[in-house]
């Protein structure tokens, strides 16, 4: 597999290797992909938890007159 990074991304990875955060650029990219996998697999569950906490906080709010529904356009 061949991966193309922006110059900024490549510089960031090289900096991570120089500072010892990762031993190789491959390890840095592998960690990035692992974090993306975790984010993708956990995002639905996390959104459900965060969403329910947000709803509970809004229901407990003293500002009951705030309209939380998005404005709808008439076409």
N, C-alpha and C. Protein backbone atom coordinates (compact mmCIF):
# COMPACT_ATOMS: atom_id res chain seq x y z
N UNK A 1 0.85 -1.18 0.00
CA UNK A 1 0.00 0.00 0.00
C UNK A 1 0.89 1.23 0.00
N UNK A 2 0.48 2.21 -0.76
CA UNK A 2 1.22 3.46 -0.81
C UNK A 2 0.31 4.56 -0.27
N UNK A 3 0.82 5.37 0.63
CA UNK A 3 0.05 6.43 1.25
C UNK A 3 0.70 7.77 0.93
N UNK A 4 -0.10 8.73 0.53
CA UNK A 4 0.42 10.07 0.22
C UNK A 4 -0.05 11.03 1.31
N UNK A 5 0.89 11.72 1.91
CA UNK A 5 0.59 12.67 2.96
C UNK A 5 0.92 14.08 2.48
N UNK A 6 0.26 15.04 3.09
CA UNK A 6 0.61 16.43 2.79
C UNK A 6 1.99 16.70 3.38
N UNK A 7 2.68 17.72 2.90
CA UNK A 7 3.98 18.05 3.49
C UNK A 7 3.89 18.32 5.00
N UNK A 8 2.81 18.93 5.43
CA UNK A 8 2.63 19.22 6.85
C UNK A 8 2.47 17.94 7.66
N UNK A 9 1.70 17.00 7.12
CA UNK A 9 1.50 15.72 7.81
C UNK A 9 2.81 14.94 7.89
N UNK A 10 3.54 14.95 6.80
CA UNK A 10 4.82 14.24 6.78
C UNK A 10 5.80 14.87 7.77
N UNK A 11 5.84 16.19 7.82
CA UNK A 11 6.72 16.87 8.77
C UNK A 11 6.33 16.55 10.21
N UNK A 12 5.03 16.48 10.47
CA UNK A 12 4.56 16.15 11.81
C UNK A 12 5.01 14.75 12.21
N UNK A 13 4.86 13.81 11.31
CA UNK A 13 5.27 12.43 11.61
C UNK A 13 6.78 12.37 11.82
N UNK A 14 7.54 13.05 10.99
CA UNK A 14 9.00 13.05 11.15
C UNK A 14 9.40 13.67 12.49
N UNK A 15 8.69 14.69 12.91
CA UNK A 15 8.96 15.32 14.20
C UNK A 15 8.67 14.33 15.33
N UNK A 16 7.59 13.58 15.20
CA UNK A 16 7.25 12.57 16.22
C UNK A 16 8.33 11.50 16.31
N UNK A 17 8.91 11.14 15.18
CA UNK A 17 9.99 10.14 15.18
C UNK A 17 11.26 10.76 15.78
N UNK A 18 11.59 11.99 15.39
CA UNK A 18 12.80 12.65 15.92
C UNK A 18 12.74 12.82 17.44
N UNK A 19 11.57 13.13 17.96
CA UNK A 19 11.45 13.35 19.40
C UNK A 19 11.31 12.05 20.19
N UNK A 20 11.23 10.93 19.49
CA UNK A 20 11.17 9.64 20.16
C UNK A 20 9.77 9.18 20.50
N UNK A 21 8.79 9.93 20.07
CA UNK A 21 7.40 9.51 20.35
C UNK A 21 7.10 8.19 19.66
N UNK A 22 7.64 8.03 18.44
CA UNK A 22 7.52 6.78 17.69
C UNK A 22 8.90 6.40 17.19
N UNK A 23 9.11 5.09 17.02
CA UNK A 23 10.42 4.64 16.55
C UNK A 23 10.57 4.77 15.04
N UNK A 24 9.45 4.66 14.32
CA UNK A 24 9.48 4.80 12.86
C UNK A 24 8.23 5.53 12.38
N UNK A 25 8.29 6.02 11.16
CA UNK A 25 7.11 6.66 10.55
C UNK A 25 5.99 5.64 10.40
N UNK A 26 6.34 4.40 10.08
CA UNK A 26 5.33 3.35 9.96
C UNK A 26 4.56 3.17 11.26
N UNK A 27 5.27 3.19 12.39
CA UNK A 27 4.61 3.04 13.70
C UNK A 27 3.66 4.20 13.96
N UNK A 28 4.05 5.40 13.57
CA UNK A 28 3.19 6.57 13.76
C UNK A 28 1.92 6.45 12.93
N UNK A 29 2.04 6.02 11.70
CA UNK A 29 0.88 5.86 10.83
C UNK A 29 -0.01 4.72 11.35
N UNK A 30 0.60 3.63 11.81
CA UNK A 30 -0.18 2.53 12.38
C UNK A 30 -0.98 3.00 13.58
N UNK A 31 -0.38 3.81 14.43
CA UNK A 31 -1.09 4.34 15.60
C UNK A 31 -2.23 5.24 15.16
N UNK A 32 -2.00 6.04 14.14
CA UNK A 32 -3.06 6.92 13.63
C UNK A 32 -4.24 6.11 13.12
N UNK A 33 -3.97 5.04 12.40
CA UNK A 33 -5.04 4.18 11.88
C UNK A 33 -5.76 3.48 13.03
N UNK A 34 -5.02 3.04 14.03
CA UNK A 34 -5.65 2.40 15.20
C UNK A 34 -6.58 3.36 15.91
N UNK A 35 -6.15 4.61 16.06
CA UNK A 35 -7.01 5.61 16.70
C UNK A 35 -8.25 5.89 15.87
N UNK A 36 -8.11 5.90 14.55
CA UNK A 36 -9.26 6.09 13.67
C UNK A 36 -10.23 4.93 13.80
N UNK A 37 -9.70 3.71 13.88
CA UNK A 37 -10.55 2.53 14.06
C UNK A 37 -11.33 2.62 15.37
N UNK A 38 -10.63 2.99 16.45
CA UNK A 38 -11.29 3.14 17.75
C UNK A 38 -12.38 4.19 17.70
N UNK A 39 -12.05 5.30 17.06
CA UNK A 39 -13.02 6.39 16.95
C UNK A 39 -14.25 5.95 16.16
N UNK A 40 -14.04 5.26 15.07
CA UNK A 40 -15.15 4.80 14.23
C UNK A 40 -16.00 3.76 14.95
N UNK A 41 -15.37 2.83 15.63
CA UNK A 41 -16.13 1.77 16.30
C UNK A 41 -16.83 2.29 17.54
N UNK A 42 -16.25 3.26 18.20
CA UNK A 42 -16.84 3.77 19.42
C UNK A 42 -17.70 5.00 19.22
N UNK A 43 -17.70 5.56 18.03
CA UNK A 43 -18.40 6.83 17.83
C UNK A 43 -19.91 6.68 17.96
N UNK A 44 -20.47 5.59 17.51
CA UNK A 44 -21.93 5.42 17.62
C UNK A 44 -22.33 5.30 19.09
N UNK A 45 -21.58 4.51 19.83
CA UNK A 45 -21.88 4.36 21.25
C UNK A 45 -21.64 5.66 22.00
N UNK A 46 -20.53 6.32 21.70
CA UNK A 46 -20.22 7.58 22.38
C UNK A 46 -21.25 8.64 22.05
N UNK A 47 -21.69 8.69 20.81
CA UNK A 47 -22.70 9.68 20.43
C UNK A 47 -24.00 9.43 21.17
N UNK A 48 -24.35 8.17 21.37
CA UNK A 48 -25.56 7.85 22.12
C UNK A 48 -25.46 8.31 23.56
N UNK A 49 -24.31 8.07 24.18
CA UNK A 49 -24.12 8.48 25.57
C UNK A 49 -24.08 9.99 25.66
N UNK A 50 -23.31 10.62 24.79
CA UNK A 50 -23.20 12.07 24.83
C UNK A 50 -24.54 12.72 24.50
N UNK A 51 -25.24 12.14 23.55
CA UNK A 51 -26.54 12.68 23.16
C UNK A 51 -27.53 12.61 24.30
N UNK A 52 -27.57 11.47 25.01
CA UNK A 52 -28.51 11.34 26.11
C UNK A 52 -28.14 12.27 27.26
N UNK A 53 -26.84 12.47 27.49
CA UNK A 53 -26.42 13.41 28.54
C UNK A 53 -26.79 14.83 28.17
N UNK A 54 -26.68 15.17 26.90
CA UNK A 54 -27.05 16.50 26.44
C UNK A 54 -28.55 16.73 26.60
N UNK A 55 -29.35 15.75 26.23
CA UNK A 55 -30.80 15.87 26.37
C UNK A 55 -31.17 16.04 27.84
N UNK A 56 -30.54 15.25 28.72
CA UNK A 56 -30.83 15.37 30.15
C UNK A 56 -30.45 16.74 30.67
N UNK A 57 -29.33 17.27 30.23
CA UNK A 57 -28.90 18.60 30.67
C UNK A 57 -29.86 19.67 30.17
N UNK A 58 -30.32 19.53 28.93
CA UNK A 58 -31.26 20.52 28.39
C UNK A 58 -32.60 20.43 29.11
N UNK A 59 -33.03 19.23 29.46
CA UNK A 59 -34.30 19.08 30.16
C UNK A 59 -34.23 19.67 31.56
N UNK A 60 -33.04 19.64 32.16
CA UNK A 60 -32.87 20.19 33.50
C UNK A 60 -32.65 21.70 33.47
N UNK A 61 -32.46 22.26 32.30
CA UNK A 61 -32.18 23.69 32.16
C UNK A 61 -33.37 24.53 32.61
N UNK A 62 -33.10 25.65 33.27
CA UNK A 62 -34.19 26.55 33.66
C UNK A 62 -34.74 27.34 32.46
N UNK A 63 -34.09 27.25 31.34
CA UNK A 63 -34.49 28.02 30.16
C UNK A 63 -35.38 27.17 29.26
N UNK A 64 -36.58 26.90 29.69
CA UNK A 64 -37.51 26.02 28.98
C UNK A 64 -38.06 26.65 27.70
N UNK A 65 -37.94 27.98 27.57
CA UNK A 65 -38.53 28.65 26.42
C UNK A 65 -37.62 28.65 25.20
N UNK A 66 -36.45 28.05 25.29
CA UNK A 66 -35.53 28.01 24.16
C UNK A 66 -36.01 26.94 23.19
N UNK A 67 -36.16 27.31 21.91
CA UNK A 67 -36.60 26.37 20.89
C UNK A 67 -35.38 25.62 20.36
N UNK A 68 -35.33 24.32 20.57
CA UNK A 68 -34.19 23.52 20.15
C UNK A 68 -34.38 22.90 18.78
N UNK A 69 -35.55 23.07 18.20
CA UNK A 69 -35.80 22.52 16.88
C UNK A 69 -35.15 23.43 15.83
N UNK A 70 -34.50 22.84 14.83
CA UNK A 70 -33.92 23.68 13.79
C UNK A 70 -35.01 24.36 12.97
N UNK A 71 -34.70 25.53 12.50
CA UNK A 71 -35.66 26.27 11.68
C UNK A 71 -35.88 25.51 10.38
N UNK A 72 -37.08 25.45 9.93
CA UNK A 72 -37.40 24.74 8.69
C UNK A 72 -37.69 25.76 7.59
N UNK A 73 -37.17 25.46 6.45
CA UNK A 73 -37.40 26.34 5.30
C UNK A 73 -38.64 25.93 4.55
N UNK A 74 -39.37 26.89 4.11
CA UNK A 74 -40.52 26.61 3.25
C UNK A 74 -40.06 26.66 1.80
N UNK A 75 -40.35 25.62 1.06
CA UNK A 75 -39.92 25.59 -0.35
C UNK A 75 -41.07 25.84 -1.26
